[in-house]
Amino acid sequence: MKSKKRLIPFVLLVLIFSFIPLGAFAAFDDYGYNPQGRSFKGTLDNWEAFIHNQPAAAWDPEATDVMFLERKWDKCFAPMLTGEIPLQGAWQRAKLWQYLSGEQAGWTWRQELEVVYSPNQPIPGAMELTENEMGIPGFYCVKFKEWVTGPKGQKVTIEDLSVDSGIIQKALKAGE
């Protein structure tokens, strides 16, 4: 009877994984890009290399003075990767960080942001992004947070902007 009790968690685990699409296990390539997951995790230099069709460079996830980038976007935003206009409501989230060196050794600079595409209706309280910044008008930064953390866990906030999701949804509905 004891062996059957141990088998139940294993069977549940197999059942759970059998319902997860295979795309959920897709790997990141040398750049840090995962097309099935619509995500990227690597260096800012490798993101630029990926966009400009240049070779990826090897990188150390613990390196200092290297800008790291993690991006995630929805299906509506995906056309932006090929230079096409996204759909209304498209979003992208990004996290950047850099382990600092020199006099700032032990400190980490961080930034998080989220942008939403609302070409027909401004999003109140959000920061409008220019055509130069995004390639097309109609994007709004609805979250922007920048801070540094110290070697002893201290946190110094540099900037913090966050628009309520209800305000974003109202603007998107009004722009339909």
N, C-alpha and C. Protein backbone atom coordinates (compact mmCIF):
# COMPACT_ATOMS: atom_id res chain seq x y z
N MET A 1 0.82 -1.20 0.00
CA MET A 1 0.00 0.00 0.00
C MET A 1 0.86 1.26 0.00
N LYS A 2 1.99 1.19 0.69
CA LYS A 2 2.87 2.34 0.77
C LYS A 2 3.41 2.73 -0.60
N SER A 3 3.73 1.77 -1.46
CA SER A 3 4.27 2.08 -2.79
C SER A 3 3.21 2.75 -3.67
N LYS A 4 1.94 2.42 -3.52
CA LYS A 4 0.87 3.07 -4.29
C LYS A 4 0.75 4.54 -3.91
N LYS A 5 0.95 4.87 -2.63
CA LYS A 5 0.88 6.26 -2.18
C LYS A 5 2.01 7.08 -2.81
N ARG A 6 3.17 6.47 -2.98
CA ARG A 6 4.28 7.18 -3.60
C ARG A 6 4.05 7.33 -5.10
N LEU A 7 3.32 6.43 -5.70
CA LEU A 7 3.06 6.46 -7.14
C LEU A 7 2.06 7.55 -7.51
N ILE A 8 1.14 7.89 -6.64
CA ILE A 8 0.11 8.89 -6.93
C ILE A 8 0.71 10.25 -7.30
N PRO A 9 1.66 10.81 -6.53
CA PRO A 9 2.25 12.10 -6.94
C PRO A 9 2.93 12.01 -8.30
N PHE A 10 3.60 10.89 -8.58
CA PHE A 10 4.27 10.72 -9.87
C PHE A 10 3.24 10.72 -11.00
N VAL A 11 2.14 9.99 -10.86
CA VAL A 11 1.09 9.94 -11.88
C VAL A 11 0.48 11.32 -12.08
N LEU A 12 0.24 12.05 -11.00
CA LEU A 12 -0.29 13.41 -11.11
C LEU A 12 0.68 14.31 -11.88
N LEU A 13 1.96 14.18 -11.59
CA LEU A 13 2.97 14.97 -12.28
C LEU A 13 2.97 14.66 -13.77
N VAL A 14 2.89 13.39 -14.14
CA VAL A 14 2.85 12.99 -15.56
C VAL A 14 1.60 13.57 -16.22
N LEU A 15 0.46 13.49 -15.55
CA LEU A 15 -0.78 14.04 -16.12
C LEU A 15 -0.69 15.54 -16.32
N ILE A 16 -0.14 16.24 -15.35
CA ILE A 16 0.00 17.69 -15.45
C ILE A 16 0.87 18.06 -16.64
N PHE A 17 2.02 17.41 -16.78
CA PHE A 17 2.93 17.73 -17.88
C PHE A 17 2.38 17.31 -19.24
N SER A 18 1.50 16.31 -19.28
CA SER A 18 0.94 15.89 -20.57
C SER A 18 -0.03 16.92 -21.13
N PHE A 19 -0.53 17.83 -20.30
CA PHE A 19 -1.44 18.86 -20.77
C PHE A 19 -0.76 20.19 -21.05
N ILE A 20 0.53 20.29 -20.81
CA ILE A 20 1.27 21.51 -21.10
C ILE A 20 1.76 21.43 -22.53
N PRO A 21 1.48 22.44 -23.36
CA PRO A 21 1.94 22.38 -24.74
C PRO A 21 3.47 22.28 -24.82
N LEU A 22 3.95 21.58 -25.84
CA LEU A 22 5.39 21.41 -26.00
C LEU A 22 6.11 22.74 -26.15
N GLY A 23 5.44 23.75 -26.70
CA GLY A 23 6.05 25.07 -26.86
C GLY A 23 6.45 25.69 -25.53
N ALA A 24 5.82 25.23 -24.45
CA ALA A 24 6.15 25.78 -23.13
C ALA A 24 7.56 25.40 -22.72
N PHE A 25 8.11 24.35 -23.34
CA PHE A 25 9.45 23.90 -23.00
C PHE A 25 10.48 24.35 -24.04
N ALA A 26 10.07 25.22 -24.94
CA ALA A 26 10.99 25.68 -25.98
C ALA A 26 12.20 26.35 -25.36
N ALA A 27 13.32 26.15 -26.00
CA ALA A 27 14.57 26.68 -25.47
C ALA A 27 14.87 28.07 -26.03
N PHE A 28 15.72 28.77 -25.32
CA PHE A 28 16.25 30.04 -25.78
C PHE A 28 17.41 29.74 -26.72
N ASP A 29 17.56 30.54 -27.77
CA ASP A 29 18.68 30.34 -28.69
C ASP A 29 19.94 31.04 -28.15
N ASP A 30 20.98 31.10 -28.98
CA ASP A 30 22.26 31.70 -28.55
C ASP A 30 22.12 33.18 -28.18
N TYR A 31 21.17 33.85 -28.80
CA TYR A 31 20.94 35.27 -28.50
C TYR A 31 20.27 35.45 -27.15
N GLY A 32 19.37 34.49 -26.82
CA GLY A 32 18.53 34.62 -25.64
C GLY A 32 17.07 34.72 -26.03
N TYR A 33 16.77 34.46 -27.31
CA TYR A 33 15.42 34.61 -27.87
C TYR A 33 14.66 33.29 -27.80
N ASN A 34 13.39 33.36 -27.42
CA ASN A 34 12.50 32.21 -27.39
C ASN A 34 11.25 32.58 -28.18
N PRO A 35 11.16 32.18 -29.46
CA PRO A 35 10.02 32.60 -30.29
C PRO A 35 8.68 32.05 -29.80
N GLN A 36 8.66 30.80 -29.31
CA GLN A 36 7.39 30.22 -28.84
C GLN A 36 6.88 30.93 -27.59
N GLY A 37 7.80 31.35 -26.75
CA GLY A 37 7.42 32.03 -25.51
C GLY A 37 7.31 33.54 -25.67
N ARG A 38 7.58 34.04 -26.89
CA ARG A 38 7.59 35.48 -27.15
C ARG A 38 8.37 36.19 -26.04
N SER A 39 9.63 35.76 -25.88
CA SER A 39 10.45 36.33 -24.82
C SER A 39 11.92 36.33 -25.21
N PHE A 40 12.67 37.09 -24.45
CA PHE A 40 14.10 37.20 -24.64
C PHE A 40 14.73 37.39 -23.27
N LYS A 41 15.85 36.71 -23.06
CA LYS A 41 16.62 36.93 -21.83
C LYS A 41 18.09 36.77 -22.17
N GLY A 42 18.80 37.88 -22.13
CA GLY A 42 20.21 37.88 -22.49
C GLY A 42 20.79 39.26 -22.29
N THR A 43 21.76 39.59 -23.12
CA THR A 43 22.37 40.91 -23.02
C THR A 43 21.71 41.87 -24.00
N LEU A 44 21.79 43.14 -23.70
CA LEU A 44 21.27 44.15 -24.62
C LEU A 44 22.03 44.08 -25.94
N ASP A 45 23.32 43.81 -25.88
CA ASP A 45 24.11 43.67 -27.12
C ASP A 45 23.60 42.52 -27.99
N ASN A 46 23.24 41.39 -27.37
CA ASN A 46 22.72 40.27 -28.16
C ASN A 46 21.33 40.56 -28.70
N TRP A 47 20.52 41.35 -27.98
CA TRP A 47 19.23 41.75 -28.53
C TRP A 47 19.45 42.58 -29.80
N GLU A 48 20.37 43.53 -29.71
CA GLU A 48 20.69 44.37 -30.88
C GLU A 48 21.22 43.51 -32.03
N ALA A 49 22.08 42.55 -31.72
CA ALA A 49 22.62 41.65 -32.75
C ALA A 49 21.50 40.85 -33.39
N PHE A 50 20.56 40.37 -32.57
CA PHE A 50 19.42 39.60 -33.08
C PHE A 50 18.58 40.45 -34.04
N ILE A 51 18.26 41.66 -33.63
CA ILE A 51 17.44 42.56 -34.44
C ILE A 51 18.13 42.89 -35.77
N HIS A 52 19.45 43.07 -35.74
CA HIS A 52 20.19 43.46 -36.94
C HIS A 52 20.80 42.27 -37.67
N ASN A 53 20.36 41.04 -37.30
CA ASN A 53 20.80 39.82 -37.97
C ASN A 53 22.33 39.66 -37.96
N GLN A 54 22.93 39.92 -36.81
CA GLN A 54 24.37 39.75 -36.64
C GLN A 54 24.61 38.58 -35.68
N PRO A 55 25.79 38.02 -35.67
CA PRO A 55 26.04 36.87 -34.79
C PRO A 55 25.92 37.21 -33.31
N ALA A 56 25.47 36.22 -32.55
CA ALA A 56 25.37 36.38 -31.10
C ALA A 56 26.76 36.29 -30.48
N ALA A 57 26.95 36.97 -29.36
CA ALA A 57 28.21 36.91 -28.63
C ALA A 57 28.00 36.12 -27.34
N ALA A 58 29.01 35.37 -26.95
CA ALA A 58 28.95 34.65 -25.68
C ALA A 58 28.88 35.66 -24.54
N TRP A 59 28.19 35.30 -23.45
CA TRP A 59 28.06 36.23 -22.33
C TRP A 59 28.00 35.47 -21.02
N ASP A 60 28.40 36.16 -19.97
CA ASP A 60 28.42 35.63 -18.62
C ASP A 60 27.29 36.29 -17.83
N PRO A 61 26.35 35.51 -17.31
CA PRO A 61 25.22 36.11 -16.59
C PRO A 61 25.60 36.82 -15.29
N GLU A 62 26.84 36.67 -14.86
CA GLU A 62 27.31 37.32 -13.64
C GLU A 62 28.22 38.51 -13.93
N ALA A 63 28.45 38.82 -15.20
CA ALA A 63 29.41 39.85 -15.58
C ALA A 63 29.01 41.23 -15.06
N THR A 64 30.01 42.05 -14.73
CA THR A 64 29.74 43.42 -14.32
C THR A 64 29.82 44.32 -15.55
N ASP A 65 29.17 45.46 -15.43
CA ASP A 65 29.17 46.48 -16.48
C ASP A 65 28.61 45.98 -17.82
N VAL A 66 27.76 44.98 -17.77
CA VAL A 66 27.08 44.46 -18.96
C VAL A 66 25.59 44.72 -18.74
N MET A 67 24.92 45.27 -19.75
CA MET A 67 23.49 45.53 -19.64
C MET A 67 22.74 44.25 -20.02
N PHE A 68 21.98 43.74 -19.06
CA PHE A 68 21.16 42.56 -19.29
C PHE A 68 19.72 42.99 -19.57
N LEU A 69 19.02 42.17 -20.34
CA LEU A 69 17.67 42.49 -20.77
C LEU A 69 16.79 41.26 -20.73
N GLU A 70 15.60 41.42 -20.18
CA GLU A 70 14.58 40.39 -20.22
C GLU A 70 13.33 41.05 -20.80
N ARG A 71 12.80 40.48 -21.88
CA ARG A 71 11.61 41.05 -22.54
C ARG A 71 10.55 39.97 -22.69
N LYS A 72 9.30 40.40 -22.63
CA LYS A 72 8.15 39.52 -22.84
C LYS A 72 7.10 40.35 -23.56
N TRP A 73 6.41 39.78 -24.56
CA TRP A 73 5.40 40.52 -25.29
C TRP A 73 4.27 39.58 -25.68
N ASP A 74 3.11 40.18 -26.00
CA ASP A 74 1.96 39.38 -26.40
C ASP A 74 1.93 39.21 -27.92
N LYS A 75 0.99 38.38 -28.40
CA LYS A 75 0.87 38.11 -29.84
C LYS A 75 0.59 39.38 -30.63
N CYS A 76 -0.15 40.30 -30.04
CA CYS A 76 -0.49 41.55 -30.74
C CYS A 76 0.74 42.42 -30.97
N PHE A 77 1.76 42.28 -30.12
CA PHE A 77 2.98 43.07 -30.24
C PHE A 77 3.97 42.43 -31.23
N ALA A 78 3.87 41.13 -31.44
CA ALA A 78 4.83 40.38 -32.26
C ALA A 78 5.12 41.01 -33.63
N PRO A 79 4.15 41.60 -34.34
CA PRO A 79 4.48 42.22 -35.64
C PRO A 79 5.57 43.29 -35.55
N MET A 80 5.74 43.92 -34.40
CA MET A 80 6.78 44.94 -34.23
C MET A 80 8.18 44.37 -34.49
N LEU A 81 8.36 43.07 -34.24
CA LEU A 81 9.68 42.46 -34.44
C LEU A 81 10.07 42.42 -35.91
N THR A 82 9.09 42.49 -36.79
CA THR A 82 9.37 42.48 -38.23
C THR A 82 9.09 43.84 -38.86
N GLY A 83 8.93 44.87 -38.04
CA GLY A 83 8.73 46.23 -38.55
C GLY A 83 7.31 46.55 -38.96
N GLU A 84 6.36 45.69 -38.60
CA GLU A 84 4.96 45.92 -38.93
C GLU A 84 4.24 46.58 -37.76
N ILE A 85 3.08 47.15 -38.03
CA ILE A 85 2.29 47.82 -37.00
C ILE A 85 1.57 46.78 -36.15
N PRO A 86 1.65 46.89 -34.83
CA PRO A 86 0.98 45.94 -33.95
C PRO A 86 -0.53 46.23 -33.87
N LEU A 87 -1.24 45.37 -33.19
CA LEU A 87 -2.67 45.56 -32.98
C LEU A 87 -2.91 46.41 -31.74
N GLN A 88 -4.04 47.12 -31.72
CA GLN A 88 -4.44 47.91 -30.55
C GLN A 88 -4.37 47.05 -29.30
N GLY A 89 -3.82 47.59 -28.24
CA GLY A 89 -3.71 46.87 -26.97
C GLY A 89 -2.45 46.05 -26.83
N ALA A 90 -1.63 46.00 -27.89
CA ALA A 90 -0.38 45.24 -27.82
C ALA A 90 0.47 45.74 -26.66
N TRP A 91 1.17 44.83 -26.00
CA TRP A 91 2.01 45.23 -24.88
C TRP A 91 3.35 44.52 -24.92
N GLN A 92 4.29 45.13 -24.24
CA GLN A 92 5.62 44.56 -24.06
C GLN A 92 6.11 44.96 -22.67
N ARG A 93 6.73 44.02 -21.97
CA ARG A 93 7.35 44.31 -20.68
C ARG A 93 8.85 44.07 -20.83
N ALA A 94 9.62 44.90 -20.18
CA ALA A 94 11.07 44.74 -20.22
C ALA A 94 11.66 45.00 -18.85
N LYS A 95 12.70 44.23 -18.55
CA LYS A 95 13.50 44.43 -17.34
C LYS A 95 14.94 44.55 -17.79
N LEU A 96 15.61 45.56 -17.30
CA LEU A 96 17.03 45.74 -17.57
C LEU A 96 17.77 45.77 -16.24
N TRP A 97 18.98 45.27 -16.23
CA TRP A 97 19.80 45.35 -15.03
C TRP A 97 21.27 45.30 -15.39
N GLN A 98 22.06 45.83 -14.49
CA GLN A 98 23.51 45.87 -14.69
C GLN A 98 24.18 45.76 -13.33
N TYR A 99 25.09 44.79 -13.21
CA TYR A 99 25.89 44.65 -12.00
C TYR A 99 27.04 45.65 -12.13
N LEU A 100 27.13 46.57 -11.19
CA LEU A 100 28.09 47.66 -11.30
C LEU A 100 29.45 47.27 -10.73
N SER A 101 30.48 47.99 -11.17
CA SER A 101 31.84 47.71 -10.69
C SER A 101 32.47 49.01 -10.20
N GLY A 102 33.77 48.96 -9.96
CA GLY A 102 34.50 50.15 -9.51
C GLY A 102 34.03 50.58 -8.13
N GLU A 103 33.81 51.87 -7.96
CA GLU A 103 33.36 52.40 -6.66
C GLU A 103 31.95 51.93 -6.32
N GLN A 104 31.21 51.48 -7.32
CA GLN A 104 29.85 51.00 -7.09
C GLN A 104 29.76 49.48 -7.05
N ALA A 105 30.89 48.79 -6.91
CA ALA A 105 30.91 47.33 -6.87
C ALA A 105 29.93 46.83 -5.81
N GLY A 106 29.18 45.81 -6.17
CA GLY A 106 28.20 45.24 -5.26
C GLY A 106 26.81 45.82 -5.44
N TRP A 107 26.72 46.93 -6.15
CA TRP A 107 25.42 47.54 -6.43
C TRP A 107 24.90 47.04 -7.77
N THR A 108 23.57 46.99 -7.89
CA THR A 108 22.92 46.59 -9.13
C THR A 108 21.92 47.65 -9.53
N TRP A 109 22.05 48.14 -10.75
CA TRP A 109 21.08 49.09 -11.31
C TRP A 109 19.98 48.27 -11.98
N ARG A 110 18.71 48.68 -11.79
CA ARG A 110 17.57 47.96 -12.38
C ARG A 110 16.56 48.95 -12.95
N GLN A 111 15.88 48.47 -13.97
CA GLN A 111 14.80 49.25 -14.57
C GLN A 111 13.74 48.27 -15.10
N GLU A 112 12.48 48.58 -14.86
CA GLU A 112 11.37 47.80 -15.40
C GLU A 112 10.44 48.75 -16.11
N LEU A 113 9.91 48.30 -17.25
CA LEU A 113 8.95 49.13 -17.95
C LEU A 113 7.95 48.26 -18.69
N GLU A 114 6.80 48.86 -18.95
CA GLU A 114 5.76 48.22 -19.75
C GLU A 114 5.19 49.27 -20.69
N VAL A 115 5.06 48.89 -21.96
CA VAL A 115 4.47 49.79 -22.95
C VAL A 115 3.24 49.14 -23.54
N VAL A 116 2.26 49.98 -23.89
CA VAL A 116 1.00 49.54 -24.47
C VAL A 116 0.74 50.38 -25.71
N TYR A 117 0.23 49.73 -26.77
CA TYR A 117 -0.08 50.41 -28.02
C TYR A 117 -1.55 50.84 -28.01
N SER A 118 -1.77 52.13 -28.03
CA SER A 118 -3.11 52.71 -28.05
C SER A 118 -3.10 53.89 -29.04
N PRO A 119 -3.16 53.58 -30.35
CA PRO A 119 -2.99 54.63 -31.36
C PRO A 119 -4.14 55.61 -31.46
N ASN A 120 -5.32 55.22 -31.00
CA ASN A 120 -6.50 56.06 -31.18
C ASN A 120 -6.94 56.83 -29.94
N GLN A 121 -6.34 56.51 -28.80
CA GLN A 121 -6.78 57.13 -27.54
C GLN A 121 -5.60 57.24 -26.59
N PRO A 122 -5.27 58.44 -26.11
CA PRO A 122 -4.19 58.57 -25.11
C PRO A 122 -4.55 57.82 -23.83
N ILE A 123 -3.54 57.36 -23.12
CA ILE A 123 -3.74 56.70 -21.83
C ILE A 123 -3.39 57.72 -20.75
N PRO A 124 -4.41 58.22 -20.00
CA PRO A 124 -4.15 59.23 -18.97
C PRO A 124 -3.14 58.75 -17.92
N GLY A 125 -2.20 59.62 -17.62
CA GLY A 125 -1.19 59.33 -16.61
C GLY A 125 0.02 58.58 -17.14
N ALA A 126 -0.08 58.06 -18.38
CA ALA A 126 1.03 57.33 -18.97
C ALA A 126 1.97 58.29 -19.69
N MET A 127 3.17 57.84 -19.94
CA MET A 127 4.17 58.64 -20.64
C MET A 127 4.08 58.28 -22.14
N GLU A 128 3.75 59.27 -22.96
CA GLU A 128 3.66 59.02 -24.40
C GLU A 128 5.06 58.85 -24.97
N LEU A 129 5.23 57.79 -25.76
CA LEU A 129 6.52 57.52 -26.38
C LEU A 129 6.49 58.05 -27.81
N THR A 130 7.58 58.64 -28.24
CA THR A 130 7.60 59.28 -29.55
C THR A 130 7.82 58.25 -30.66
N GLU A 131 7.58 58.71 -31.87
CA GLU A 131 7.82 57.88 -33.04
C GLU A 131 9.30 57.52 -33.13
N ASN A 132 10.19 58.44 -32.73
CA ASN A 132 11.63 58.16 -32.73
C ASN A 132 11.98 57.03 -31.77
N GLU A 133 11.27 56.94 -30.65
CA GLU A 133 11.57 55.93 -29.65
C GLU A 133 11.05 54.55 -30.04
N MET A 134 9.88 54.51 -30.69
CA MET A 134 9.23 53.23 -30.96
C MET A 134 9.12 52.88 -32.44
N GLY A 135 9.38 53.83 -33.31
CA GLY A 135 9.25 53.57 -34.74
C GLY A 135 7.91 53.99 -35.31
N ILE A 136 6.89 54.02 -34.46
CA ILE A 136 5.56 54.49 -34.84
C ILE A 136 4.94 55.20 -33.64
N PRO A 137 4.02 56.13 -33.89
CA PRO A 137 3.35 56.78 -32.75
C PRO A 137 2.26 55.87 -32.17
N GLY A 138 1.80 56.20 -30.97
CA GLY A 138 0.69 55.48 -30.36
C GLY A 138 1.06 54.60 -29.19
N PHE A 139 2.34 54.59 -28.82
CA PHE A 139 2.77 53.78 -27.68
C PHE A 139 2.82 54.64 -26.42
N TYR A 140 2.45 54.01 -25.31
CA TYR A 140 2.46 54.68 -24.00
C TYR A 140 3.18 53.79 -23.00
N CYS A 141 4.06 54.41 -22.23
CA CYS A 141 4.72 53.70 -21.14
C CYS A 141 3.78 53.78 -19.94
N VAL A 142 3.28 52.64 -19.51
CA VAL A 142 2.31 52.61 -18.41
C VAL A 142 2.96 52.18 -17.09
N LYS A 143 4.20 51.70 -17.19
CA LYS A 143 4.96 51.35 -15.99
C LYS A 143 6.42 51.68 -16.27
N PHE A 144 7.02 52.40 -15.34
CA PHE A 144 8.44 52.71 -15.43
C PHE A 144 8.98 52.81 -14.02
N LYS A 145 9.88 51.92 -13.72
CA LYS A 145 10.47 51.92 -12.38
C LYS A 145 11.98 51.76 -12.54
N GLU A 146 12.74 52.60 -11.85
CA GLU A 146 14.20 52.54 -11.90
C GLU A 146 14.71 52.63 -10.47
N TRP A 147 15.67 51.76 -10.11
CA TRP A 147 16.22 51.76 -8.77
C TRP A 147 17.59 51.08 -8.76
N VAL A 148 18.29 51.23 -7.68
CA VAL A 148 19.53 50.51 -7.44
C VAL A 148 19.41 49.77 -6.12
N THR A 149 20.05 48.60 -6.09
CA THR A 149 20.10 47.84 -4.84
C THR A 149 21.56 47.68 -4.46
N GLY A 150 21.80 47.77 -3.16
CA GLY A 150 23.16 47.69 -2.65
C GLY A 150 23.54 46.30 -2.21
N PRO A 151 24.79 46.12 -1.86
CA PRO A 151 25.28 44.81 -1.44
C PRO A 151 24.66 44.30 -0.15
N LYS A 152 24.10 45.21 0.64
CA LYS A 152 23.45 44.81 1.89
C LYS A 152 21.93 44.84 1.78
N GLY A 153 21.43 44.85 0.53
CA GLY A 153 19.99 44.82 0.32
C GLY A 153 19.32 46.17 0.33
N GLN A 154 20.06 47.25 0.54
CA GLN A 154 19.45 48.57 0.53
C GLN A 154 18.92 48.88 -0.88
N LYS A 155 17.83 49.61 -0.93
CA LYS A 155 17.20 49.93 -2.20
C LYS A 155 16.98 51.44 -2.29
N VAL A 156 17.42 52.02 -3.40
CA VAL A 156 17.24 53.45 -3.63
C VAL A 156 16.41 53.60 -4.91
N THR A 157 15.18 54.10 -4.76
CA THR A 157 14.30 54.30 -5.92
C THR A 157 14.68 55.59 -6.62
N ILE A 158 14.85 55.52 -7.91
CA ILE A 158 15.18 56.69 -8.72
C ILE A 158 13.92 57.27 -9.34
N GLU A 159 13.08 56.40 -9.89
CA GLU A 159 11.82 56.85 -10.50
C GLU A 159 10.80 55.72 -10.42
N ASP A 160 9.52 56.09 -10.26
CA ASP A 160 8.47 55.08 -10.15
C ASP A 160 7.17 55.64 -10.73
N LEU A 161 6.75 55.12 -11.87
CA LEU A 161 5.50 55.50 -12.52
C LEU A 161 4.70 54.23 -12.76
N SER A 162 3.44 54.24 -12.38
CA SER A 162 2.59 53.08 -12.63
C SER A 162 1.16 53.56 -12.84
N VAL A 163 0.60 53.22 -13.99
CA VAL A 163 -0.77 53.59 -14.32
C VAL A 163 -1.67 52.42 -13.97
N ASP A 164 -2.78 52.70 -13.32
CA ASP A 164 -3.74 51.68 -12.92
C ASP A 164 -4.26 50.93 -14.16
N SER A 165 -4.37 49.62 -14.06
CA SER A 165 -4.81 48.81 -15.20
C SER A 165 -6.23 49.17 -15.65
N GLY A 166 -7.08 49.63 -14.73
CA GLY A 166 -8.44 50.05 -15.11
C GLY A 166 -8.41 51.26 -16.05
N ILE A 167 -7.49 52.18 -15.80
CA ILE A 167 -7.35 53.36 -16.67
C ILE A 167 -6.88 52.92 -18.05
N ILE A 168 -5.95 51.98 -18.09
CA ILE A 168 -5.44 51.47 -19.38
C ILE A 168 -6.59 50.82 -20.16
N GLN A 169 -7.36 49.97 -19.51
CA GLN A 169 -8.45 49.27 -20.18
C GLN A 169 -9.51 50.24 -20.70
N LYS A 170 -9.83 51.29 -19.93
CA LYS A 170 -10.80 52.30 -20.39
C LYS A 170 -10.31 52.99 -21.65
N ALA A 171 -9.04 53.37 -21.66
CA ALA A 171 -8.47 54.05 -22.83
C ALA A 171 -8.50 53.13 -24.05
N LEU A 172 -8.18 51.85 -23.86
CA LEU A 172 -8.18 50.92 -24.98
C LEU A 172 -9.59 50.70 -25.53
N LYS A 173 -10.58 50.60 -24.63
CA LYS A 173 -11.97 50.45 -25.10
C LYS A 173 -12.44 51.69 -25.83
N ALA A 174 -12.08 52.87 -25.32
CA ALA A 174 -12.50 54.12 -25.96
C ALA A 174 -11.86 54.30 -27.33
N GLY A 175 -10.70 53.67 -27.54
CA GLY A 175 -9.99 53.80 -28.80
C GLY A 175 -10.40 52.79 -29.86
N GLU A 176 -11.30 51.87 -29.51
CA GLU A 176 -11.72 50.84 -30.49
C GLU A 176 -12.60 51.41 -31.56
